[in-house]
PDB file of N, CA and C in Angstrom:
ATOM      1  N   MET A   1       0.847  -1.191   0.000  1.00  0.00           N
ATOM      2  CA  MET A   1       0.000   0.000   0.000  1.00  0.00           C
ATOM      3  C   MET A   1       0.882   1.240   0.000  1.00  0.00           C
ATOM      4  N   THR A   2       0.452   2.261  -0.710  1.00  0.00           N
ATOM      5  CA  THR A   2       1.168   3.527  -0.771  1.00  0.00           C
ATOM      6  C   THR A   2       1.072   4.247   0.564  1.00  0.00           C
ATOM      7  N   ASP A   3       2.163   4.884   0.974  1.00  0.00           N
ATOM      8  CA  ASP A   3       2.157   5.684   2.196  1.00  0.00           C
ATOM      9  C   ASP A   3       1.455   7.001   1.895  1.00  0.00           C
ATOM     10  N   LEU A   4       0.194   7.116   2.270  1.00  0.00           N
ATOM     11  CA  LEU A   4      -0.595   8.300   1.938  1.00  0.00           C
ATOM     12  C   LEU A   4      -0.059   9.567   2.581  1.00  0.00           C
ATOM     13  N   THR A   5       0.634   9.447   3.704  1.00  0.00           N
ATOM     14  CA  THR A   5       1.147  10.645   4.369  1.00  0.00           C
ATOM     15  C   THR A   5       2.147  11.395   3.496  1.00  0.00           C
ATOM     16  N   ALA A   6       2.772  10.732   2.539  1.00  0.00           N
ATOM     17  CA  ALA A   6       3.700  11.413   1.634  1.00  0.00           C
ATOM     18  C   ALA A   6       2.965  12.425   0.755  1.00  0.00           C
ATOM     19  N   PHE A   7       1.691  12.186   0.473  1.00  0.00           N
ATOM     20  CA  PHE A   7       0.916  13.084  -0.379  1.00  0.00           C
ATOM     21  C   PHE A   7       0.294  14.246   0.387  1.00  0.00           C
ATOM     22  N   VAL A   8       0.187  14.139   1.694  1.00  0.00           N
ATOM     23  CA  VAL A   8      -0.457  15.187   2.491  1.00  0.00           C
ATOM     24  C   VAL A   8       0.514  15.847   3.463  1.00  0.00           C
ATOM     25  N   ASP A   9       1.801  15.678   3.216  1.00  0.00           N
ATOM     26  CA  ASP A   9       2.827  16.257   4.075  1.00  0.00           C
ATOM     27  C   ASP A   9       2.642  17.769   4.164  1.00  0.00           C
ATOM     28  N   GLY A  10       2.499  18.270   5.369  1.00  0.00           N
ATOM     29  CA  GLY A  10       2.357  19.704   5.574  1.00  0.00           C
ATOM     30  C   GLY A  10       0.929  20.217   5.561  1.00  0.00           C
ATOM     31  N   ILE A  11      -0.058  19.386   5.195  1.00  0.00           N
ATOM     32  CA  ILE A  11      -1.443  19.866   5.172  1.00  0.00           C
ATOM     33  C   ILE A  11      -2.345  19.134   6.164  1.00  0.00           C
ATOM     34  N   VAL A  12      -1.832  18.116   6.827  1.00  0.00           N
ATOM     35  CA  VAL A  12      -2.591  17.449   7.886  1.00  0.00           C
ATOM     36  C   VAL A  12      -1.740  17.403   9.141  1.00  0.00           C
ATOM     37  N   HIS A  13      -2.401  17.316  10.282  1.00  0.00           N
ATOM     38  CA  HIS A  13      -1.720  17.175  11.563  1.00  0.00           C
ATOM     39  C   HIS A  13      -1.578  15.680  11.824  1.00  0.00           C
ATOM     40  N   GLU A  14      -0.415  15.144  11.481  1.00  0.00           N
ATOM     41  CA  GLU A  14      -0.230  13.691  11.482  1.00  0.00           C
ATOM     42  C   GLU A  14      -0.573  12.987  12.793  1.00  0.00           C
ATOM     43  N   PRO A  15      -0.247  13.549  13.969  1.00  0.00           N
ATOM     44  CA  PRO A  15      -0.580  12.808  15.194  1.00  0.00           C
ATOM     45  C   PRO A  15      -2.082  12.558  15.393  1.00  0.00           C
ATOM     46  N   THR A  16      -2.934  13.424  14.844  1.00  0.00           N
ATOM     47  CA  THR A  16      -4.375  13.246  15.055  1.00  0.00           C
ATOM     48  C   THR A  16      -5.155  12.905  13.793  1.00  0.00           C
ATOM     49  N   GLN A  17      -4.596  13.142  12.606  1.00  0.00           N
ATOM     50  CA  GLN A  17      -5.352  12.916  11.377  1.00  0.00           C
ATOM     51  C   GLN A  17      -4.883  11.701  10.586  1.00  0.00           C
ATOM     52  N   THR A  18      -3.880  11.014  11.055  1.00  0.00           N
ATOM     53  CA  THR A  18      -3.455   9.777  10.396  1.00  0.00           C
ATOM     54  C   THR A  18      -3.480   8.666  11.426  1.00  0.00           C
ATOM     55  N   GLU A  19      -4.194   7.617  11.094  1.00  0.00           N
ATOM     56  CA  GLU A  19      -4.293   6.487  12.015  1.00  0.00           C
ATOM     57  C   GLU A  19      -4.475   5.222  11.199  1.00  0.00           C
ATOM     58  N   GLY A  20      -3.661   4.251  11.476  1.00  0.00           N
ATOM     59  CA  GLY A  20      -3.783   2.991  10.761  1.00  0.00           C
ATOM     60  C   GLY A  20      -3.542   3.166   9.276  1.00  0.00           C
ATOM     61  N   ARG A  21      -4.488   2.708   8.467  1.00  0.00           N
ATOM     62  CA  ARG A  21      -4.328   2.744   7.006  1.00  0.00           C
ATOM     63  C   ARG A  21      -5.078   3.888   6.348  1.00  0.00           C
ATOM     64  N   GLY A  22      -5.601   4.834   7.112  1.00  0.00           N
ATOM     65  CA  GLY A  22      -6.394   5.897   6.497  1.00  0.00           C
ATOM     66  C   GLY A  22      -6.033   7.278   6.994  1.00  0.00           C
ATOM     67  N   LEU A  23      -6.742   8.263   6.456  1.00  0.00           N
ATOM     68  CA  LEU A  23      -6.568   9.654   6.832  1.00  0.00           C
ATOM     69  C   LEU A  23      -7.902  10.206   7.294  1.00  0.00           C
ATOM     70  N   ASP A  24      -7.873  11.048   8.306  1.00  0.00           N
ATOM     71  CA  ASP A  24      -9.069  11.719   8.792  1.00  0.00           C
ATOM     72  C   ASP A  24      -9.033  13.141   8.256  1.00  0.00           C
ATOM     73  N   LEU A  25      -9.838  13.411   7.232  1.00  0.00           N
ATOM     74  CA  LEU A  25      -9.874  14.732   6.623  1.00  0.00           C
ATOM     75  C   LEU A  25     -11.202  15.407   6.939  1.00  0.00           C
ATOM     76  N   THR A  26     -11.164  16.709   7.176  1.00  0.00           N
ATOM     77  CA  THR A  26     -12.349  17.486   7.489  1.00  0.00           C
ATOM     78  C   THR A  26     -12.608  18.461   6.348  1.00  0.00           C
ATOM     79  N   VAL A  27     -13.852  18.575   5.941  1.00  0.00           N
ATOM     80  CA  VAL A  27     -14.200  19.510   4.871  1.00  0.00           C
ATOM     81  C   VAL A  27     -15.071  20.626   5.425  1.00  0.00           C
ATOM     82  N   THR A  28     -15.013  21.777   4.782  1.00  0.00           N
ATOM     83  CA  THR A  28     -15.817  22.917   5.194  1.00  0.00           C
ATOM     84  C   THR A  28     -17.223  22.830   4.623  1.00  0.00           C
ATOM     85  N   GLU A  29     -17.321  22.436   3.354  1.00  0.00           N
ATOM     86  CA  GLU A  29     -18.612  22.367   2.681  1.00  0.00           C
ATOM     87  C   GLU A  29     -18.672  21.146   1.770  1.00  0.00           C
ATOM     88  N   VAL A  30     -19.890  20.652   1.547  1.00  0.00           N
ATOM     89  CA  VAL A  30     -20.120  19.566   0.598  1.00  0.00           C
ATOM     90  C   VAL A  30     -21.134  20.086  -0.414  1.00  0.00           C
ATOM     91  N   HIS A  31     -20.817  19.952  -1.700  1.00  0.00           N
ATOM     92  CA  HIS A  31     -21.693  20.444  -2.763  1.00  0.00           C
ATOM     93  C   HIS A  31     -22.234  19.277  -3.573  1.00  0.00           C
ATOM     94  N   GLU A  32     -23.415  19.469  -4.141  1.00  0.00           N
ATOM     95  CA  GLU A  32     -24.018  18.462  -5.011  1.00  0.00           C
ATOM     96  C   GLU A  32     -24.097  19.022  -6.428  1.00  0.00           C
ATOM     97  N   VAL A  33     -23.601  18.280  -7.377  1.00  0.00           N
ATOM     98  CA  VAL A  33     -23.669  18.697  -8.776  1.00  0.00           C
ATOM     99  C   VAL A  33     -25.081  18.427  -9.274  1.00  0.00           C
ATOM    100  N   THR A  34     -25.746  19.473  -9.772  1.00  0.00           N
ATOM    101  CA  THR A  34     -27.133  19.317 -10.220  1.00  0.00           C
ATOM    102  C   THR A  34     -27.299  19.444 -11.726  1.00  0.00           C
ATOM    103  N   GLY A  35     -26.223  19.776 -12.431  1.00  0.00           N
ATOM    104  CA  GLY A  35     -26.307  19.904 -13.882  1.00  0.00           C
ATOM    105  C   GLY A  35     -24.918  19.972 -14.487  1.00  0.00           C
ATOM    106  N   PRO A  36     -24.873  19.991 -15.804  1.00  0.00           N
ATOM    107  CA  PRO A  36     -23.571  20.043 -16.468  1.00  0.00           C
ATOM    108  C   PRO A  36     -22.880  21.383 -16.234  1.00  0.00           C
ATOM    109  N   GLY A  37     -21.571  21.356 -16.349  1.00  0.00           N
ATOM    110  CA  GLY A  37     -20.779  22.578 -16.191  1.00  0.00           C
ATOM    111  C   GLY A  37     -20.815  23.434 -17.436  1.00  0.00           C
ATOM    112  N   ARG A  38     -19.862  24.289 -17.536  1.00  0.00           N
ATOM    113  CA  ARG A  38     -19.809  25.237 -18.659  1.00  0.00           C
ATOM    114  C   ARG A  38     -19.465  24.574 -19.941  1.00  0.00           C
TER     115      ARG A  38
END
């Protein structure tokens, strides 16, 4: 398995957001696509 922490170096707080085989990421907003783009 790829070491995912190499891709998020500097943007996650490793002691609390990396555990086991996954990452704990927090988002500000979730959007739903309702139609085609431009």
